[in-house]
Amino acid sequence: MSTVQLYCPCCQDQSLQTVDLHGQQLDRCQKCNGLWFDDKELSDAIAHSTELTDAYCVKQAFGEELEQHQYHCHRCNKQMQQFHLLKDYQVTLDKCSRCDGIWVDGNEAEQVLAAPKLQAALAELNKKVCAKSWLFQFFTQMPKEYNIKPHRTPVITWTLLALNILIYLLYGFDDNATQWVFAHFALDSVSILDGQQWWSLLSYQFLHGGMLHLAGNMYFLWIIGDNLEDALGPWKFLAVYLLCGVAAALVEMLMCYLVDRDLLMVGASGAVAGLFGMYLLWFRHASLTFMFVVWQKKLNPAWYFAIWAALNIFGLLSEDLSVAYWAHLGGLAAGLVVGVLLKDKIMAQNPLLQLLQQPQAKILR
C-alpha cells in the first residue's frame, strides 16, 4: 500500500517531511518551516515544550474565530478556518473542521508552542483595577504595577530595601547622628573635587533626608526591581543599579559646577531612575496606574515615565533647589543607555519578554 504524499498548505507544491518535535512525529515544510499537527499532537507538543505537568488542550484556549483561509487541508482538501491563538494574543493558526488538523506557519511556531506561558502572562497583565488598588493609590499617590511574575526570588532587591531602611533607622531620628553621617557619607561636591571622599559616589545612594524621601524611593525599587533583577540576574542588577546612581551623581555635580553651586546630595532616586530606563525598554507590555485626581488609569510605562520626566523638567524650570532633578534625569538617561546596550541579550535570555513585546500581544489598559 503506497503512502499518500502530503503537501504544504502554504507552498502547495512543496512536500512535507517528517520531523521530531518534543517527542512528536510531525510534518514540516522544508521551504517555509510551517508545521502540520494532527489532532492532539499540538497540545502534546506544547505540554512537552513548556514542561507542564498537566495536559494542555490548545483548542480550548483558541481566541477569536476569523474568516476562512485560502489554505486547504492537505488530508481532506477542505478549506481551513483561521483562529487567533489566544483571546489576547492574535497570532493566527489554521484548523481543519473535518480532521481537526492544525497548520502553523513557520514564523509563528515559537508563539504557538509558548501558548500556556503567554496565556498566564496576559492574565496577569490584563487584570482590571479594583477598589482596593484605587484606595491605595488615592491615599498614597503611588502606582500599582501589572506585570509578569518573576521566576526567581529578588534577593538583591530585598537586600537593597533592607539596607536603605536599616541605615535610615540608625541615624534618621537623631540630628547629631544625621549631621555626622551626612558629613562623611553624603555626596559633597567640594570634597570630591578636592580628591576626597570618592566613596560617597556610592554611599550617598543609601542615605535619605526623611521618611517620605525614603518611602518613595523604596516603593519604586520594590515594584520594578524584582522584574529587572529577574531579567538581569542578581549581580548584574546590583552593578547597573549602582552604576546608574554614580552616573546620576556625576550629572548633578556637572550641572552644579556649571552654575558655580556647591552640592550636598543623598538618596537612591538617581539609581532608581536608572531602573526606570531599563524597565521602559524591556517591559513595555507592563502597566503602571496613574491617578488623575480620582480617576485611576493603567498606563503604558512610556506614558508613565514621560509624565515623570515632564514633572522633573518642570521642577528644573521652576528653579527648585530642594530636589536633584538633574540626578533624576541623568539616572534615567544612564538606564536607557544600559537598556539599549543589553536589550538584545536580555530578550534572547528571556523569550517570553520578546513575545510580549510583539504587536500580536493585546494589553488592556
Protein backbone atom coordinates (compact mmCIF):
# COMPACT_ATOMS: atom_id res chain seq x y z
CA MET A 1 0.00 0.00 0.00
CA SER A 2 1.56 3.30 -1.08
CA THR A 3 1.91 6.27 1.32
CA VAL A 4 -0.06 9.40 0.43
CA GLN A 5 2.27 12.30 -0.36
CA LEU A 6 1.38 15.33 1.79
CA TYR A 7 1.95 18.88 0.55
CA CYS A 8 2.44 22.20 2.35
CA PRO A 9 -0.86 24.19 2.54
CA CYS A 10 1.20 27.38 2.16
CA CYS A 11 3.71 26.46 -0.55
CA GLN A 12 1.36 23.90 -2.17
CA ASP A 13 3.99 22.34 -4.42
CA GLN A 14 6.36 21.53 -1.52
CA SER A 15 6.06 18.08 0.06
CA LEU A 16 6.16 17.74 3.85
CA GLN A 17 8.91 15.87 5.65
CA THR A 18 8.56 14.00 8.95
CA VAL A 19 10.48 15.58 11.86
CA ASP A 20 10.66 15.01 15.61
CA LEU A 21 9.46 17.85 17.87
CA HIS A 22 9.32 17.30 21.63
CA GLY A 23 8.73 13.59 21.13
CA GLN A 24 6.06 14.05 18.46
CA GLN A 25 6.43 12.90 14.84
CA LEU A 26 5.23 15.90 12.84
CA ASP A 27 5.12 17.01 9.22
CA ARG A 28 7.18 20.07 8.33
CA CYS A 29 7.72 22.04 5.15
CA GLN A 30 11.44 22.36 4.39
CA LYS A 31 10.80 25.58 2.45
CA CYS A 32 8.68 27.72 4.80
CA ASN A 33 9.22 25.72 8.05
CA GLY A 34 5.47 25.51 8.63
CA LEU A 35 4.26 22.62 10.80
CA TRP A 36 1.27 20.30 10.49
CA PHE A 37 -0.21 18.85 13.68
CA ASP A 38 -2.75 16.06 13.64
CA ASP A 39 -5.46 16.09 16.31
CA LYS A 40 -3.94 16.33 19.84
CA GLU A 41 -0.34 16.46 18.55
CA LEU A 42 -0.12 20.23 19.05
CA SER A 43 -1.47 20.00 22.60
CA ASP A 44 1.08 17.29 23.38
CA ALA A 45 3.94 19.27 21.81
CA ILE A 46 3.02 22.37 23.79
CA ALA A 47 2.78 20.40 27.03
CA HIS A 48 6.26 18.95 26.49
CA SER A 49 7.85 22.20 25.34
CA THR A 50 6.60 24.15 28.37
CA GLU A 51 7.27 21.35 30.89
CA LEU A 52 3.68 21.39 32.11
CA THR A 53 2.59 18.62 34.43
CA ASP A 54 -0.99 18.67 33.15
CA ALA A 55 -2.20 18.11 29.61
CA TYR A 56 -2.85 21.32 27.65
CA CYS A 57 -5.63 21.46 25.09
CA VAL A 58 -4.88 24.20 22.59
CA LYS A 59 -8.35 24.10 21.05
CA GLN A 60 -10.00 25.02 24.35
CA ALA A 61 -7.86 28.16 24.54
CA PHE A 62 -8.45 29.41 20.99
CA GLY A 63 -9.22 33.08 20.64
CA GLU A 64 -11.50 34.70 18.08
CA GLU A 65 -12.64 32.68 15.07
CA LEU A 66 -11.74 34.50 11.86
CA GLU A 67 -12.72 34.14 8.22
CA GLN A 68 -11.94 31.06 6.19
CA HIS A 69 -8.37 30.99 4.92
CA GLN A 70 -7.03 30.29 1.47
CA TYR A 71 -5.23 27.27 2.89
CA HIS A 72 -6.72 23.84 2.25
CA CYS A 73 -6.23 20.80 4.47
CA HIS A 74 -3.65 18.54 2.88
CA ARG A 75 -5.57 15.49 4.08
CA CYS A 76 -9.20 16.41 3.42
CA ASN A 77 -8.70 19.14 0.81
CA LYS A 78 -11.21 21.19 2.83
CA GLN A 79 -10.82 24.95 3.21
CA MET A 80 -9.36 25.64 6.65
CA GLN A 81 -10.66 28.01 9.34
CA GLN A 82 -8.47 30.66 10.93
CA PHE A 83 -8.34 31.30 14.69
CA HIS A 84 -6.40 33.61 16.94
CA LEU A 85 -4.05 31.57 19.10
CA LEU A 86 -5.44 33.15 22.30
CA LYS A 87 -8.03 35.74 23.20
CA ASP A 88 -5.37 38.39 23.83
CA TYR A 89 -2.59 37.09 21.58
CA GLN A 90 -3.58 37.48 17.97
CA VAL A 91 -1.23 35.15 16.16
CA THR A 92 -3.32 33.15 13.69
CA LEU A 93 -3.32 29.43 13.03
CA ASP A 94 -5.48 27.31 10.74
CA LYS A 95 -7.69 24.36 11.68
CA CYS A 96 -9.48 21.78 9.57
CA SER A 97 -13.03 21.28 10.85
CA ARG A 98 -13.18 17.77 9.43
CA CYS A 99 -9.99 16.06 10.67
CA ASP A 100 -9.08 18.63 13.41
CA GLY A 101 -5.58 19.02 11.95
CA ILE A 102 -3.81 22.33 12.65
CA TRP A 103 -1.39 24.22 10.43
CA VAL A 104 1.11 26.64 11.98
CA ASP A 105 3.17 28.94 9.77
CA GLY A 106 6.92 28.68 10.38
CA ASN A 107 7.33 32.20 11.77
CA GLU A 108 4.55 31.59 14.31
CA ALA A 109 5.69 28.25 15.76
CA GLU A 110 7.53 29.82 18.73
CA GLN A 111 4.45 31.79 19.82
CA VAL A 112 2.15 28.79 19.43
CA LEU A 113 4.37 26.48 21.47
CA ALA A 114 4.56 29.15 24.20
CA ALA A 115 0.74 29.42 24.38
CA PRO A 116 0.33 28.42 28.08
CA LYS A 117 3.05 30.84 29.22
CA LEU A 118 1.52 33.62 27.12
CA GLN A 119 -1.94 32.86 28.45
CA ALA A 120 -0.76 33.02 32.07
CA ALA A 121 1.26 36.21 31.47
CA LEU A 122 -1.61 38.01 29.73
CA ALA A 123 -3.97 37.05 32.54
CA GLU A 124 -1.65 38.93 34.94
CA LEU A 125 -1.12 41.89 32.63
CA ASN A 126 -4.80 42.37 31.78
CA LYS A 127 -6.24 42.32 35.29
CA LYS A 128 -8.65 45.18 35.89
CA VAL A 129 -8.08 47.84 38.51
CA CYS A 130 -10.13 47.26 41.64
CA ALA A 131 -11.48 49.26 44.57
CA LYS A 132 -8.61 48.15 46.82
CA SER A 133 -5.96 49.44 44.39
CA TRP A 134 -7.92 52.68 43.90
CA LEU A 135 -7.99 53.33 47.64
CA PHE A 136 -4.27 52.55 47.96
CA GLN A 137 -3.30 54.93 45.16
CA PHE A 138 -5.72 57.67 46.22
CA PHE A 139 -4.17 57.88 49.69
CA THR A 140 -0.53 57.23 48.72
CA GLN A 141 -0.36 58.60 45.16
CA MET A 142 1.88 55.63 44.36
CA PRO A 143 1.24 53.48 41.26
CA LYS A 144 0.23 49.84 41.16
CA GLU A 145 2.16 47.61 38.77
CA TYR A 146 0.69 45.00 36.42
CA ASN A 147 3.50 42.77 35.17
CA ILE A 148 4.51 39.13 34.83
CA LYS A 149 5.71 37.34 37.94
CA PRO A 150 9.50 36.89 38.32
CA HIS A 151 10.91 33.37 38.17
CA ARG A 152 13.47 33.88 40.93
CA THR A 153 13.43 35.41 44.39
CA PRO A 154 14.66 39.06 44.13
CA VAL A 155 17.36 38.70 46.80
CA ILE A 156 19.33 41.81 45.79
CA THR A 157 16.21 43.98 45.58
CA TRP A 158 15.13 42.89 49.05
CA THR A 159 18.68 43.39 50.37
CA LEU A 160 18.81 46.94 48.97
CA LEU A 161 15.45 47.69 50.54
CA ALA A 162 16.57 46.33 53.92
CA LEU A 163 19.89 48.19 53.86
CA ASN A 164 18.33 51.54 52.98
CA ILE A 165 15.68 51.20 55.66
CA LEU A 166 18.09 49.93 58.32
CA ILE A 167 20.65 52.65 57.63
CA TYR A 168 17.99 55.35 57.91
CA LEU A 169 16.71 53.91 61.20
CA LEU A 170 20.25 54.08 62.60
CA TYR A 171 20.63 57.82 62.09
CA GLY A 172 17.38 59.36 60.82
CA PHE A 173 15.81 60.19 64.18
CA ASP A 174 18.89 61.81 65.75
CA ASP A 175 20.03 65.21 64.46
CA ASN A 176 23.63 64.76 65.63
CA ALA A 177 23.87 61.33 64.04
CA THR A 178 22.37 62.70 60.81
CA GLN A 179 24.92 65.52 60.66
CA TRP A 180 27.81 63.10 61.23
CA VAL A 181 26.58 60.60 58.62
CA PHE A 182 25.97 63.30 56.02
CA ALA A 183 29.40 64.85 56.69
CA HIS A 184 31.16 61.55 55.99
CA PHE A 185 28.94 59.69 53.52
CA ALA A 186 26.69 62.16 51.67
CA LEU A 187 27.84 63.27 48.22
CA ASP A 188 29.72 66.54 48.75
CA SER A 189 30.89 68.13 45.50
CA VAL A 190 33.54 70.26 47.27
CA SER A 191 35.19 67.20 48.86
CA ILE A 192 35.08 65.16 45.65
CA LEU A 193 36.56 67.96 43.55
CA ASP A 194 39.34 68.18 46.15
CA GLY A 195 40.02 64.47 45.60
CA GLN A 196 38.44 63.33 48.86
CA GLN A 197 35.53 61.05 49.83
CA TRP A 198 35.19 59.37 46.42
CA TRP A 199 33.32 56.56 48.16
CA SER A 200 30.41 58.95 48.63
CA LEU A 201 29.50 58.37 44.94
CA LEU A 202 28.23 55.01 46.21
CA SER A 203 27.40 55.70 49.86
CA TYR A 204 25.08 58.65 49.13
CA GLN A 205 22.72 56.18 47.40
CA PHE A 206 21.94 54.55 50.76
CA LEU A 207 21.12 57.75 52.66
CA HIS A 208 17.85 59.69 52.72
CA GLY A 209 16.73 63.04 54.03
CA GLY A 210 13.41 61.97 55.53
CA MET A 211 10.79 59.25 55.80
CA LEU A 212 8.86 60.38 52.71
CA HIS A 213 12.07 60.55 50.69
CA LEU A 214 12.95 57.01 51.77
CA ALA A 215 9.42 55.63 51.27
CA GLY A 216 9.09 56.98 47.73
CA ASN A 217 12.41 55.59 46.53
CA MET A 218 11.96 52.23 48.23
CA TYR A 219 8.45 51.79 46.87
CA PHE A 220 9.57 52.21 43.26
CA LEU A 221 12.57 49.95 43.87
CA TRP A 222 10.19 47.33 45.28
CA ILE A 223 7.65 47.37 42.43
CA ILE A 224 10.06 47.30 39.48
CA GLY A 225 13.30 45.92 40.95
CA ASP A 226 12.10 42.31 41.10
CA ASN A 227 11.38 42.09 37.37
CA LEU A 228 14.66 43.75 36.41
CA GLU A 229 16.66 41.53 38.76
CA ASP A 230 14.89 38.51 37.26
CA ALA A 231 15.86 39.60 33.73
CA LEU A 232 19.46 40.60 34.51
CA GLY A 233 20.43 38.19 37.24
CA PRO A 234 21.25 39.38 40.78
CA TRP A 235 24.85 40.60 40.40
CA LYS A 236 24.36 42.37 37.07
CA PHE A 237 21.28 44.01 38.54
CA LEU A 238 23.29 45.29 41.52
CA ALA A 239 26.06 46.53 39.23
CA VAL A 240 23.77 48.53 36.92
CA TYR A 241 21.80 49.88 39.88
CA LEU A 242 24.96 51.32 41.47
CA LEU A 243 26.31 52.44 38.09
CA CYS A 244 23.15 54.44 37.37
CA GLY A 245 23.42 56.01 40.82
CA VAL A 246 27.01 57.09 40.10
CA ALA A 247 26.02 58.44 36.67
CA ALA A 248 23.16 60.41 38.24
CA ALA A 249 25.54 61.96 40.79
CA LEU A 250 28.06 62.97 38.13
CA VAL A 251 25.36 64.66 36.04
CA GLU A 252 24.07 66.62 39.06
CA MET A 253 27.63 67.60 40.02
CA LEU A 254 28.37 68.78 36.48
CA MET A 255 25.27 70.96 36.31
CA CYS A 256 26.03 72.45 39.73
CA TYR A 257 29.63 73.11 38.69
CA LEU A 258 28.45 74.95 35.56
CA VAL A 259 26.40 77.38 37.66
CA ASP A 260 29.06 77.60 40.40
CA ARG A 261 26.92 75.95 43.10
CA ASP A 262 28.07 73.50 45.76
CA LEU A 263 26.22 70.22 46.08
CA LEU A 264 25.34 68.08 49.08
CA MET A 265 23.15 65.17 47.95
CA VAL A 266 21.63 61.98 49.38
CA GLY A 267 19.10 59.48 48.10
CA ALA A 268 18.58 56.48 45.86
CA SER A 269 16.50 58.48 43.38
CA GLY A 270 19.15 58.54 40.66
CA ALA A 271 19.76 54.79 40.85
CA VAL A 272 16.03 54.07 40.84
CA ALA A 273 15.58 56.42 37.88
CA GLY A 274 18.14 54.29 36.05
CA LEU A 275 15.89 51.28 36.65
CA PHE A 276 13.07 53.28 35.06
CA GLY A 277 15.05 53.48 31.81
CA MET A 278 15.65 49.73 31.61
CA TYR A 279 12.09 48.93 32.64
CA LEU A 280 10.78 51.22 29.92
CA LEU A 281 12.68 49.33 27.21
CA TRP A 282 12.31 45.74 28.41
CA PHE A 283 8.82 45.75 29.95
CA ARG A 284 6.73 47.79 27.52
CA HIS A 285 3.94 45.26 27.98
CA ALA A 286 3.59 46.15 31.68
CA SER A 287 1.21 48.78 33.07
CA LEU A 288 1.56 51.32 35.86
CA THR A 289 -1.52 53.04 37.24
CA PHE A 290 -1.69 56.82 37.36
CA MET A 291 -4.21 58.76 39.45
CA PHE A 292 -5.83 61.77 37.75
CA VAL A 293 -7.46 63.35 40.83
CA VAL A 294 -9.92 60.48 41.45
CA TRP A 295 -9.68 58.61 38.12
CA GLN A 296 -7.25 55.69 38.17
CA LYS A 297 -5.86 54.69 34.77
CA LYS A 298 -3.47 51.94 33.68
CA LEU A 299 -0.72 53.45 31.51
CA ASN A 300 1.99 52.10 29.29
CA PRO A 301 5.35 52.62 31.06
CA ALA A 302 6.33 55.01 28.26
CA TRP A 303 3.47 57.34 29.17
CA TYR A 304 4.02 56.97 32.89
CA PHE A 305 7.73 57.81 32.76
CA ALA A 306 7.10 60.58 30.22
CA ILE A 307 4.84 62.24 32.82
CA TRP A 308 7.51 61.63 35.48
CA ALA A 309 10.22 63.18 33.25
CA ALA A 310 7.97 66.17 32.46
CA LEU A 311 7.47 66.81 36.17
CA ASN A 312 11.25 66.79 36.66
CA ILE A 313 11.78 69.20 33.77
CA PHE A 314 9.10 71.47 35.24
CA GLY A 315 10.97 71.32 38.55
CA LEU A 316 14.17 72.42 36.81
CA LEU A 317 12.43 75.33 35.14
CA SER A 318 10.93 76.42 38.46
CA GLU A 319 14.48 76.54 39.90
CA ASP A 320 13.53 74.41 42.89
CA LEU A 321 16.90 73.58 44.50
CA SER A 322 15.48 71.20 47.11
CA VAL A 323 15.29 68.27 44.64
CA ALA A 324 18.14 66.89 42.50
CA TYR A 325 16.22 66.94 39.22
CA TRP A 326 19.34 66.63 37.09
CA ALA A 327 20.28 63.48 39.01
CA HIS A 328 16.85 62.01 38.23
CA LEU A 329 17.16 62.76 34.53
CA GLY A 330 20.81 61.68 34.44
CA GLY A 331 19.93 58.36 36.08
CA LEU A 332 17.09 57.84 33.60
CA ALA A 333 19.45 58.54 30.69
CA ALA A 334 22.01 56.08 32.07
CA GLY A 335 19.32 53.43 32.42
CA LEU A 336 18.18 53.99 28.85
CA VAL A 337 21.76 53.55 27.60
CA VAL A 338 22.18 50.33 29.57
CA GLY A 339 18.75 49.20 28.37
CA VAL A 340 19.66 49.70 24.71
CA LEU A 341 23.07 48.04 25.04
CA LEU A 342 21.72 44.94 26.81
CA LYS A 343 18.29 44.65 25.18
CA ASP A 344 19.15 42.02 22.56
CA LYS A 345 20.88 39.84 25.14
CA ILE A 346 18.06 40.22 27.66
CA MET A 347 15.43 39.33 25.05
CA ALA A 348 17.42 36.28 23.92
CA GLN A 349 17.70 35.06 27.52
CA ASN A 350 14.04 35.82 28.29
CA PRO A 351 11.99 34.84 25.20
CA LEU A 352 8.67 35.50 26.96
CA LEU A 353 9.61 39.20 27.23
CA GLN A 354 10.30 39.23 23.49
CA LEU A 355 6.95 37.59 22.68
CA LEU A 356 5.06 40.05 24.89
CA GLN A 357 6.63 42.98 23.03
CA GLN A 358 5.16 41.78 19.73
CA PRO A 359 2.15 43.70 18.33
CA GLN A 360 0.11 40.48 18.48
CA ALA A 361 0.00 40.77 22.30
CA LYS A 362 -3.07 42.81 23.23
CA ILE A 363 -2.62 44.63 26.53
CA LEU A 364 -5.77 46.03 28.11
CA ARG A 365 -5.28 49.48 29.61
